[in-house]
Amino acid sequence: MHKDRFMPLAGFSQVIGDESFEQDMNRSRWGIDDRTLFRKAREKIGELEQSDKPWFMTILTVGTHHPYATPANCSSSFPRGTFEHAAACADQALEELLTGLEHEGILQNTIVLVTSDESGGLRQESDDLALRLSRNWGFLTVVTPEGQSRRIDEPFLQSDVALSVLDYLGIGDADHSFGGRSVFRSYKKKRPLFFGNVYHNHVVGLDVDGRLIIVDDAMQQGRAYDIGEQCLFMATRKAADFAPADREFVRLMAVRCSHDAAVSKTGETFRR
């Protein structure tokens, strides 16, 4: 996916990819298994710690992506070759990484964010729309040096992660081009949420009043639903007329992303 070309353009000083691993516990066309990857990351983190300078690392795993590259010595209560087994192996690999970083004292001054790229979705085969919508949602777990325990039910976007890191470091108001909201803050005012799926060729907008708008990626056809405070993934939802204003609402997604970045200095981004 040309990560070797993109990552340096995004500011990374070094990119370590599949070809950098001569040995592994398992490998698929997507790359090496998670345990091998995490052990290499831990080794690299040790080197970065020796420099006594701030560092930032992103680790992209592929073990839970079909066809599920899992180590042969990984055992779980699930059949091999299933997503559940791959997820259990990824969990064990992550535990090994975090335990090692804690033992070495690195977690005392390091924040770790664990999030998903996408979801397999809720297995509601009776409602294809609910399945499609749920595939755009995942989880975010944050491990902080303070070890605070808190559950956040407010929805955030993947585009919020970069700004959240800066906010945690106390430099969220510095000169940067990131927009969005910080997961380390609470907000009283709701905001529209946008997400899409290139495989299904649709873009979705959820406004503050609970109106769900779905359009194709060419912005030509669309559907609208009034869900209010009901669950987004429920099997039954109230259909509504798709108005021209709904298409405009979704089209403004790109404009809003640019606007969020532009107003970050004014406090709009961090408005509580």
C-alpha atoms as a PDB file:
ATOM      1  CA  MET A   1       0.000   0.000   0.000  1.00  0.00           C
ATOM      2  CA  HIS A   2       3.051   2.247  -0.531  1.00  0.00           C
ATOM      3  CA  LYS A   3       3.478   2.963   3.170  1.00  0.00           C
ATOM      4  CA  ASP A   4       7.206   3.233   2.487  1.00  0.00           C
ATOM      5  CA  ARG A   5       6.454   6.275   0.322  1.00  0.00           C
ATOM      6  CA  PHE A   6       3.671   7.836   2.366  1.00  0.00           C
ATOM      7  CA  MET A   7       5.109   7.584   5.883  1.00  0.00           C
ATOM      8  CA  PRO A   8       8.182   9.770   5.216  1.00  0.00           C
ATOM      9  CA  LEU A   9       5.899  12.370   3.657  1.00  0.00           C
ATOM     10  CA  ALA A  10       3.834  12.275   6.862  1.00  0.00           C
ATOM     11  CA  GLY A  11       6.931  13.071   8.911  1.00  0.00           C
ATOM     12  CA  PHE A  12       8.270   9.662   9.965  1.00  0.00           C
ATOM     13  CA  SER A  13      12.057   9.441   9.981  1.00  0.00           C
ATOM     14  CA  GLN A  14      12.195   5.663   9.589  1.00  0.00           C
ATOM     15  CA  VAL A  15       9.853   3.036   8.144  1.00  0.00           C
ATOM     16  CA  ILE A  16      10.316  -0.658   8.961  1.00  0.00           C
ATOM     17  CA  GLY A  17       8.306  -2.934   6.674  1.00  0.00           C
ATOM     18  CA  ASP A  18       7.828  -6.572   5.795  1.00  0.00           C
ATOM     19  CA  GLU A  19      11.119  -6.879   3.930  1.00  0.00           C
ATOM     20  CA  SER A  20      12.983  -5.837   7.089  1.00  0.00           C
ATOM     21  CA  PHE A  21      12.084  -9.103   8.812  1.00  0.00           C
ATOM     22  CA  GLU A  22      14.205 -12.038   7.776  1.00  0.00           C
ATOM     23  CA  GLN A  23      12.616 -14.291  10.428  1.00  0.00           C
ATOM     24  CA  ASP A  24       9.067 -14.508  11.691  1.00  0.00           C
ATOM     25  CA  MET A  25       6.643 -16.863  13.433  1.00  0.00           C
ATOM     26  CA  ASN A  26       4.148 -16.578  10.592  1.00  0.00           C
ATOM     27  CA  ARG A  27       3.609 -14.409   7.557  1.00  0.00           C
ATOM     28  CA  SER A  28       0.856 -13.719   5.064  1.00  0.00           C
ATOM     29  CA  ARG A  29       0.747 -11.513   1.985  1.00  0.00           C
ATOM     30  CA  TRP A  30      -0.216  -8.664   4.323  1.00  0.00           C
ATOM     31  CA  GLY A  31       2.922  -9.014   6.431  1.00  0.00           C
ATOM     32  CA  ILE A  32       4.316 -10.676   9.544  1.00  0.00           C
ATOM     33  CA  ASP A  33       2.470 -11.895  12.617  1.00  0.00           C
ATOM     34  CA  ASP A  34       1.730  -9.534  15.486  1.00  0.00           C
ATOM     35  CA  ARG A  35       4.058 -11.118  18.031  1.00  0.00           C
ATOM     36  CA  THR A  36       7.063 -10.831  15.739  1.00  0.00           C
ATOM     37  CA  LEU A  37       6.097  -7.255  14.937  1.00  0.00           C
ATOM     38  CA  PHE A  38       5.661  -6.244  18.586  1.00  0.00           C
ATOM     39  CA  ARG A  39       8.965  -7.795  19.603  1.00  0.00           C
ATOM     40  CA  LYS A  40      10.727  -5.816  16.868  1.00  0.00           C
ATOM     41  CA  ALA A  41       8.900  -2.683  18.028  1.00  0.00           C
ATOM     42  CA  ARG A  42       9.957  -3.263  21.619  1.00  0.00           C
ATOM     43  CA  GLU A  43      13.564  -3.661  20.470  1.00  0.00           C
ATOM     44  CA  LYS A  44      13.336  -0.410  18.510  1.00  0.00           C
ATOM     45  CA  ILE A  45      11.729   1.385  21.459  1.00  0.00           C
ATOM     46  CA  GLY A  46      14.679   0.336  23.595  1.00  0.00           C
ATOM     47  CA  GLU A  47      17.013   1.968  21.099  1.00  0.00           C
ATOM     48  CA  LEU A  48      14.942   5.155  21.038  1.00  0.00           C
ATOM     49  CA  GLU A  49      14.942   5.317  24.814  1.00  0.00           C
ATOM     50  CA  GLN A  50      18.749   5.368  24.803  1.00  0.00           C
ATOM     51  CA  SER A  51      18.734   8.661  22.897  1.00  0.00           C
ATOM     52  CA  ASP A  52      16.953  10.405  25.788  1.00  0.00           C
ATOM     53  CA  LYS A  53      14.823  12.356  23.296  1.00  0.00           C
ATOM     54  CA  PRO A  54      11.046  12.329  22.759  1.00  0.00           C
ATOM     55  CA  TRP A  55       9.924   9.781  20.188  1.00  0.00           C
ATOM     56  CA  PHE A  56       6.729   8.700  18.457  1.00  0.00           C
ATOM     57  CA  MET A  57       5.992   5.299  16.948  1.00  0.00           C
ATOM     58  CA  THR A  58       3.073   3.872  15.006  1.00  0.00           C
ATOM     59  CA  ILE A  59       2.662   0.091  14.773  1.00  0.00           C
ATOM     60  CA  LEU A  60       0.281  -1.322  12.159  1.00  0.00           C
ATOM     61  CA  THR A  61      -0.662  -4.951  12.789  1.00  0.00           C
ATOM     62  CA  VAL A  62      -2.114  -7.393  10.255  1.00  0.00           C
ATOM     63  CA  GLY A  63      -2.558 -10.536  12.349  1.00  0.00           C
ATOM     64  CA  THR A  64      -6.321 -10.054  12.648  1.00  0.00           C
ATOM     65  CA  HIS A  65      -6.716  -9.366   8.942  1.00  0.00           C
ATOM     66  CA  HIS A  66      -7.775 -12.347   6.851  1.00  0.00           C
ATOM     67  CA  PRO A  67      -6.088 -14.817   6.271  1.00  0.00           C
ATOM     68  CA  TYR A  68      -4.973 -14.362   9.923  1.00  0.00           C
ATOM     69  CA  ALA A  69      -1.227 -14.818  10.273  1.00  0.00           C
ATOM     70  CA  THR A  70      -0.883 -16.266  13.787  1.00  0.00           C
ATOM     71  CA  PRO A  71       2.128 -17.992  15.379  1.00  0.00           C
ATOM     72  CA  ALA A  72       1.970 -21.781  15.499  1.00  0.00           C
ATOM     73  CA  ASN A  73       2.691 -21.721  19.247  1.00  0.00           C
ATOM     74  CA  CYS A  74      -0.276 -19.442  19.997  1.00  0.00           C
ATOM     75  CA  SER A  75      -3.124 -21.318  21.632  1.00  0.00           C
ATOM     76  CA  SER A  76      -6.656 -20.200  22.415  1.00  0.00           C
ATOM     77  CA  SER A  77     -10.090 -21.689  23.010  1.00  0.00           C
ATOM     78  CA  PHE A  78     -11.081 -20.887  19.419  1.00  0.00           C
ATOM     79  CA  PRO A  79     -10.431 -22.914  16.246  1.00  0.00           C
ATOM     80  CA  ARG A  80      -7.368 -21.966  14.242  1.00  0.00           C
ATOM     81  CA  GLY A  81      -8.069 -20.024  11.106  1.00  0.00           C
ATOM     82  CA  THR A  82     -10.887 -18.039  12.702  1.00  0.00           C
ATOM     83  CA  PHE A  83     -10.984 -14.358  13.510  1.00  0.00           C
ATOM     84  CA  GLU A  84     -11.614 -15.166  17.162  1.00  0.00           C
ATOM     85  CA  HIS A  85      -8.378 -17.141  17.370  1.00  0.00           C
ATOM     86  CA  ALA A  86      -6.475 -14.364  15.596  1.00  0.00           C
ATOM     87  CA  ALA A  87      -7.897 -11.786  18.013  1.00  0.00           C
ATOM     88  CA  ALA A  88      -6.868 -13.925  21.001  1.00  0.00           C
ATOM     89  CA  CYS A  89      -3.330 -14.210  19.628  1.00  0.00           C
ATOM     90  CA  ALA A  90      -3.181 -10.459  19.032  1.00  0.00           C
ATOM     91  CA  ASP A  91      -4.322  -9.912  22.603  1.00  0.00           C
ATOM     92  CA  GLN A  92      -1.545 -12.147  23.920  1.00  0.00           C
ATOM     93  CA  ALA A  93       1.052 -10.361  21.777  1.00  0.00           C
ATOM     94  CA  LEU A  94      -0.140  -6.969  23.009  1.00  0.00           C
ATOM     95  CA  GLU A  95      -0.026  -8.147  26.615  1.00  0.00           C
ATOM     96  CA  GLU A  96       3.564  -9.246  26.111  1.00  0.00           C
ATOM     97  CA  LEU A  97       4.463  -5.865  24.654  1.00  0.00           C
ATOM     98  CA  LEU A  98       2.822  -3.793  27.397  1.00  0.00           C
ATOM     99  CA  THR A  99       4.168  -6.021  30.165  1.00  0.00           C
ATOM    100  CA  GLY A 100       7.669  -5.697  28.744  1.00  0.00           C
ATOM    101  CA  LEU A 101       7.417  -1.912  28.470  1.00  0.00           C
ATOM    102  CA  GLU A 102       6.128  -1.711  32.018  1.00  0.00           C
ATOM    103  CA  HIS A 103       8.917  -3.934  33.337  1.00  0.00           C
ATOM    104  CA  GLU A 104      11.489  -1.715  31.631  1.00  0.00           C
ATOM    105  CA  GLY A 105       9.923   1.426  33.119  1.00  0.00           C
ATOM    106  CA  ILE A 106       9.012   2.858  29.734  1.00  0.00           C
ATOM    107  CA  LEU A 107       5.303   3.171  30.523  1.00  0.00           C
ATOM    108  CA  GLN A 108       6.143   5.626  33.295  1.00  0.00           C
ATOM    109  CA  ASN A 109       6.538   8.382  30.718  1.00  0.00           C
ATOM    110  CA  THR A 110       4.867   6.975  27.610  1.00  0.00           C
ATOM    111  CA  ILE A 111       1.272   7.060  26.405  1.00  0.00           C
ATOM    112  CA  VAL A 112       0.036   4.065  24.380  1.00  0.00           C
ATOM    113  CA  LEU A 113      -3.055   4.172  22.176  1.00  0.00           C
ATOM    114  CA  VAL A 114      -4.558   0.956  20.847  1.00  0.00           C
ATOM    115  CA  THR A 115      -7.248   1.297  18.213  1.00  0.00           C
ATOM    116  CA  SER A 116      -8.775  -0.654  15.366  1.00  0.00           C
ATOM    117  CA  ASP A 117      -8.568   0.158  11.691  1.00  0.00           C
ATOM    118  CA  GLU A 118     -12.010  -1.243  10.971  1.00  0.00           C
ATOM    119  CA  SER A 119     -14.506  -3.743  12.323  1.00  0.00           C
ATOM    120  CA  GLY A 120     -15.939  -7.027  11.154  1.00  0.00           C
ATOM    121  CA  GLY A 121     -19.285  -5.583  12.170  1.00  0.00           C
ATOM    122  CA  LEU A 122     -22.194  -6.940  14.123  1.00  0.00           C
ATOM    123  CA  ARG A 123     -23.291 -10.252  12.685  1.00  0.00           C
ATOM    124  CA  GLN A 124     -26.860  -9.217  11.942  1.00  0.00           C
ATOM    125  CA  GLU A 125     -27.328 -10.931   8.639  1.00  0.00           C
ATOM    126  CA  SER A 126     -31.056 -10.189   8.726  1.00  0.00           C
ATOM    127  CA  ASP A 127     -30.286  -6.482   8.298  1.00  0.00           C
ATOM    128  CA  ASP A 128     -27.519  -5.706   5.827  1.00  0.00           C
ATOM    129  CA  LEU A 129     -27.573  -1.985   6.627  1.00  0.00           C
ATOM    130  CA  ALA A 130     -26.924  -2.541  10.332  1.00  0.00           C
ATOM    131  CA  LEU A 131     -24.011  -4.803   9.435  1.00  0.00           C
ATOM    132  CA  ARG A 132     -22.545  -2.221   7.054  1.00  0.00           C
ATOM    133  CA  LEU A 133     -22.883   0.644   9.529  1.00  0.00           C
ATOM    134  CA  SER A 134     -21.287  -1.310  12.364  1.00  0.00           C
ATOM    135  CA  ARG A 135     -18.222  -2.057  10.242  1.00  0.00           C
ATOM    136  CA  ASN A 136     -17.231   1.600  10.439  1.00  0.00           C
ATOM    137  CA  TRP A 137     -16.975   1.601  14.235  1.00  0.00           C
ATOM    138  CA  GLY A 138     -14.225   0.261  16.464  1.00  0.00           C
ATOM    139  CA  PHE A 139     -12.590   0.809  19.826  1.00  0.00           C
ATOM    140  CA  LEU A 140      -9.888   2.980  21.332  1.00  0.00           C
ATOM    141  CA  THR A 141      -7.995   2.033  24.475  1.00  0.00           C
ATOM    142  CA  VAL A 142      -5.473   4.413  26.028  1.00  0.00           C
ATOM    143  CA  VAL A 143      -2.781   3.458  28.534  1.00  0.00           C
ATOM    144  CA  THR A 144      -1.421   6.503  30.362  1.00  0.00           C
ATOM    145  CA  PRO A 145       1.460   6.836  32.837  1.00  0.00           C
ATOM    146  CA  GLU A 146      -1.057   7.928  35.468  1.00  0.00           C
ATOM    147  CA  GLY A 147      -2.905   4.617  35.135  1.00  0.00           C
ATOM    148  CA  GLN A 148      -6.296   6.294  35.326  1.00  0.00           C
ATOM    149  CA  SER A 149      -9.368   4.166  34.711  1.00  0.00           C
ATOM    150  CA  ARG A 150     -12.169   5.812  32.776  1.00  0.00           C
ATOM    151  CA  ARG A 151     -14.790   4.776  30.264  1.00  0.00           C
ATOM    152  CA  ILE A 152     -15.790   7.194  27.506  1.00  0.00           C
ATOM    153  CA  ASP A 153     -19.041   6.534  25.664  1.00  0.00           C
ATOM    154  CA  GLU A 154     -18.932   9.693  23.544  1.00  0.00           C
ATOM    155  CA  PRO A 155     -18.130   8.795  19.920  1.00  0.00           C
ATOM    156  CA  PHE A 156     -14.884  10.033  18.427  1.00  0.00           C
ATOM    157  CA  LEU A 157     -13.324   9.724  14.988  1.00  0.00           C
ATOM    158  CA  GLN A 158      -9.983   8.304  13.906  1.00  0.00           C
ATOM    159  CA  SER A 159      -9.130  11.792  12.706  1.00  0.00           C
ATOM    160  CA  ASP A 160      -9.324  12.919  16.362  1.00  0.00           C
ATOM    161  CA  VAL A 161      -6.399  10.745  17.453  1.00  0.00           C
ATOM    162  CA  ALA A 162      -3.568  13.034  16.325  1.00  0.00           C
ATOM    163  CA  LEU A 163      -5.041  16.065  18.053  1.00  0.00           C
ATOM    164  CA  SER A 164      -5.707  13.974  21.177  1.00  0.00           C
ATOM    165  CA  VAL A 165      -2.013  13.114  21.465  1.00  0.00           C
ATOM    166  CA  LEU A 166      -1.052  16.775  21.195  1.00  0.00           C
ATOM    167  CA  ASP A 167      -3.693  17.728  23.750  1.00  0.00           C
ATOM    168  CA  TYR A 168      -2.414  15.147  26.230  1.00  0.00           C
ATOM    169  CA  LEU A 169       1.088  16.561  25.826  1.00  0.00           C
ATOM    170  CA  GLY A 170      -0.248  20.053  26.495  1.00  0.00           C
ATOM    171  CA  ILE A 171       0.545  21.392  23.030  1.00  0.00           C
ATOM    172  CA  GLY A 172      -2.880  21.034  21.427  1.00  0.00           C
ATOM    173  CA  ASP A 173      -3.140  24.784  20.898  1.00  0.00           C
ATOM    174  CA  ALA A 174       0.255  25.034  19.215  1.00  0.00           C
ATOM    175  CA  ASP A 175       0.652  25.716  15.508  1.00  0.00           C
ATOM    176  CA  HIS A 176      -0.490  22.573  13.679  1.00  0.00           C
ATOM    177  CA  SER A 177      -2.933  21.490  11.004  1.00  0.00           C
ATOM    178  CA  PHE A 178      -4.845  18.848  12.982  1.00  0.00           C
ATOM    179  CA  GLY A 179      -8.563  19.280  13.599  1.00  0.00           C
ATOM    180  CA  GLY A 180     -11.246  17.486  15.533  1.00  0.00           C
ATOM    181  CA  ARG A 181     -11.726  16.854  19.236  1.00  0.00           C
ATOM    182  CA  SER A 182      -9.583  15.423  21.988  1.00  0.00           C
ATOM    183  CA  VAL A 183     -10.568  12.155  23.660  1.00  0.00           C
ATOM    184  CA  PHE A 184      -9.089  13.593  26.860  1.00  0.00           C
ATOM    185  CA  ARG A 185     -11.799  16.243  27.092  1.00  0.00           C
ATOM    186  CA  SER A 186     -15.553  16.261  27.631  1.00  0.00           C
ATOM    187  CA  TYR A 187     -17.859  18.156  25.305  1.00  0.00           C
ATOM    188  CA  LYS A 188     -21.381  19.296  26.088  1.00  0.00           C
ATOM    189  CA  LYS A 189     -22.313  20.079  22.507  1.00  0.00           C
ATOM    190  CA  LYS A 190     -22.837  17.255  20.024  1.00  0.00           C
ATOM    191  CA  ARG A 191     -21.280  17.400  16.583  1.00  0.00           C
ATOM    192  CA  PRO A 192     -22.106  15.750  13.242  1.00  0.00           C
ATOM    193  CA  LEU A 193     -20.258  12.512  12.566  1.00  0.00           C
ATOM    194  CA  PHE A 194     -19.166  11.310   9.137  1.00  0.00           C
ATOM    195  CA  PHE A 195     -17.839   7.963   8.017  1.00  0.00           C
ATOM    196  CA  GLY A 196     -17.749   5.917   4.841  1.00  0.00           C
ATOM    197  CA  ASN A 197     -16.947   2.594   3.242  1.00  0.00           C
ATOM    198  CA  VAL A 198     -15.168   2.487  -0.102  1.00  0.00           C
ATOM    199  CA  TYR A 199     -16.034  -1.182  -0.595  1.00  0.00           C
ATOM    200  CA  HIS A 200     -19.746  -0.431  -0.393  1.00  0.00           C
ATOM    201  CA  ASN A 201     -19.442   2.953  -2.110  1.00  0.00           C
ATOM    202  CA  HIS A 202     -21.287   5.006   0.469  1.00  0.00           C
ATOM    203  CA  VAL A 203     -20.749   7.950   2.768  1.00  0.00           C
ATOM    204  CA  VAL A 204     -22.747   8.333   5.969  1.00  0.00           C
ATOM    205  CA  GLY A 205     -23.582  11.405   7.996  1.00  0.00           C
ATOM    206  CA  LEU A 206     -25.179  11.433  11.449  1.00  0.00           C
ATOM    207  CA  ASP A 207     -26.379  14.881  12.512  1.00  0.00           C
ATOM    208  CA  VAL A 208     -26.824  16.135  16.059  1.00  0.00           C
ATOM    209  CA  ASP A 209     -30.565  15.418  15.972  1.00  0.00           C
ATOM    210  CA  GLY A 210     -30.087  11.754  15.150  1.00  0.00           C
ATOM    211  CA  ARG A 211     -30.874  11.948  11.458  1.00  0.00           C
ATOM    212  CA  LEU A 212     -28.949   9.300   9.550  1.00  0.00           C
ATOM    213  CA  ILE A 213     -28.126  10.133   5.936  1.00  0.00           C
ATOM    214  CA  ILE A 214     -26.541   7.674   3.536  1.00  0.00           C
ATOM    215  CA  VAL A 215     -25.425   8.607   0.021  1.00  0.00           C
ATOM    216  CA  ASP A 216     -23.363   6.868  -2.626  1.00  0.00           C
ATOM    217  CA  ASP A 217     -19.830   8.127  -3.103  1.00  0.00           C
ATOM    218  CA  ALA A 218     -20.881  10.073  -6.213  1.00  0.00           C
ATOM    219  CA  MET A 219     -23.416  11.989  -4.072  1.00  0.00           C
ATOM    220  CA  GLN A 220     -26.207  11.149  -6.515  1.00  0.00           C
ATOM    221  CA  GLN A 221     -28.511   8.778  -4.607  1.00  0.00           C
ATOM    222  CA  GLY A 222     -29.303   8.667  -0.933  1.00  0.00           C
ATOM    223  CA  ARG A 223     -31.465   7.464   1.921  1.00  0.00           C
ATOM    224  CA  ALA A 224     -32.432   9.099   5.182  1.00  0.00           C
ATOM    225  CA  TYR A 225     -33.594   7.741   8.538  1.00  0.00           C
ATOM    226  CA  ASP A 226     -34.769   9.356  11.741  1.00  0.00           C
ATOM    227  CA  ILE A 227     -33.212   7.351  14.573  1.00  0.00           C
ATOM    228  CA  GLY A 228     -33.162  10.005  17.306  1.00  0.00           C
ATOM    229  CA  GLU A 229     -31.619   8.576  20.453  1.00  0.00           C
ATOM    230  CA  GLN A 230     -32.072   4.972  19.323  1.00  0.00           C
ATOM    231  CA  CYS A 231     -29.213   2.601  18.627  1.00  0.00           C
ATOM    232  CA  LEU A 232     -27.480   3.279  15.330  1.00  0.00           C
ATOM    233  CA  PHE A 233     -27.192  -0.426  14.578  1.00  0.00           C
ATOM    234  CA  MET A 234     -30.758  -1.461  15.423  1.00  0.00           C
ATOM    235  CA  ALA A 235     -32.489  -3.734  12.935  1.00  0.00           C
ATOM    236  CA  THR A 236     -35.502  -1.451  12.509  1.00  0.00           C
ATOM    237  CA  ARG A 237     -35.333   2.275  11.837  1.00  0.00           C
ATOM    238  CA  LYS A 238     -37.782   4.918  10.678  1.00  0.00           C
ATOM    239  CA  ALA A 239     -37.254   5.873   7.040  1.00  0.00           C
ATOM    240  CA  ALA A 240     -37.519   9.551   6.098  1.00  0.00           C
ATOM    241  CA  ASP A 241     -37.590  11.516   2.881  1.00  0.00           C
ATOM    242  CA  PHE A 242     -34.173  12.208   1.409  1.00  0.00           C
ATOM    243  CA  ALA A 243     -34.098  15.943   0.794  1.00  0.00           C
ATOM    244  CA  PRO A 244     -31.591  18.051  -1.184  1.00  0.00           C
ATOM    245  CA  ALA A 245     -30.410  19.480   2.131  1.00  0.00           C
ATOM    246  CA  ASP A 246     -29.410  15.968   3.211  1.00  0.00           C
ATOM    247  CA  ARG A 247     -27.112  15.564   0.217  1.00  0.00           C
ATOM    248  CA  GLU A 248     -25.605  18.963   0.984  1.00  0.00           C
ATOM    249  CA  PHE A 249     -25.076  17.922   4.615  1.00  0.00           C
ATOM    250  CA  VAL A 250     -22.920  14.968   3.600  1.00  0.00           C
ATOM    251  CA  ARG A 251     -21.105  16.978   0.934  1.00  0.00           C
ATOM    252  CA  LEU A 252     -19.977  19.410   3.616  1.00  0.00           C
ATOM    253  CA  MET A 253     -17.890  16.670   5.190  1.00  0.00           C
ATOM    254  CA  ALA A 254     -14.778  17.761   3.308  1.00  0.00           C
ATOM    255  CA  VAL A 255     -15.458  21.415   4.056  1.00  0.00           C
ATOM    256  CA  ARG A 256     -15.921  20.686   7.748  1.00  0.00           C
ATOM    257  CA  CYS A 257     -12.634  18.804   7.956  1.00  0.00           C
ATOM    258  CA  SER A 258     -10.840  21.844   6.540  1.00  0.00           C
ATOM    259  CA  HIS A 259     -12.763  24.157   8.851  1.00  0.00           C
ATOM    260  CA  ASP A 260     -11.901  22.157  11.976  1.00  0.00           C
ATOM    261  CA  ALA A 261      -8.217  22.491  11.189  1.00  0.00           C
ATOM    262  CA  ALA A 262      -8.549  26.199  10.509  1.00  0.00           C
ATOM    263  CA  VAL A 263     -10.339  27.015  13.773  1.00  0.00           C
ATOM    264  CA  SER A 264      -8.189  24.907  16.080  1.00  0.00           C
ATOM    265  CA  LYS A 265      -6.369  28.011  17.349  1.00  0.00           C
ATOM    266  CA  THR A 266      -9.605  29.781  18.265  1.00  0.00           C
ATOM    267  CA  GLY A 267     -10.672  27.201  20.825  1.00  0.00           C
ATOM    268  CA  GLU A 268     -13.426  25.809  18.618  1.00  0.00           C
ATOM    269  CA  THR A 269     -11.753  22.427  18.595  1.00  0.00           C
ATOM    270  CA  PHE A 270     -11.626  22.192  22.384  1.00  0.00           C
ATOM    271  CA  ARG A 271     -14.985  23.752  23.105  1.00  0.00           C
ATOM    272  CA  ARG A 272     -16.462  21.956  26.107  1.00  0.00           C
END
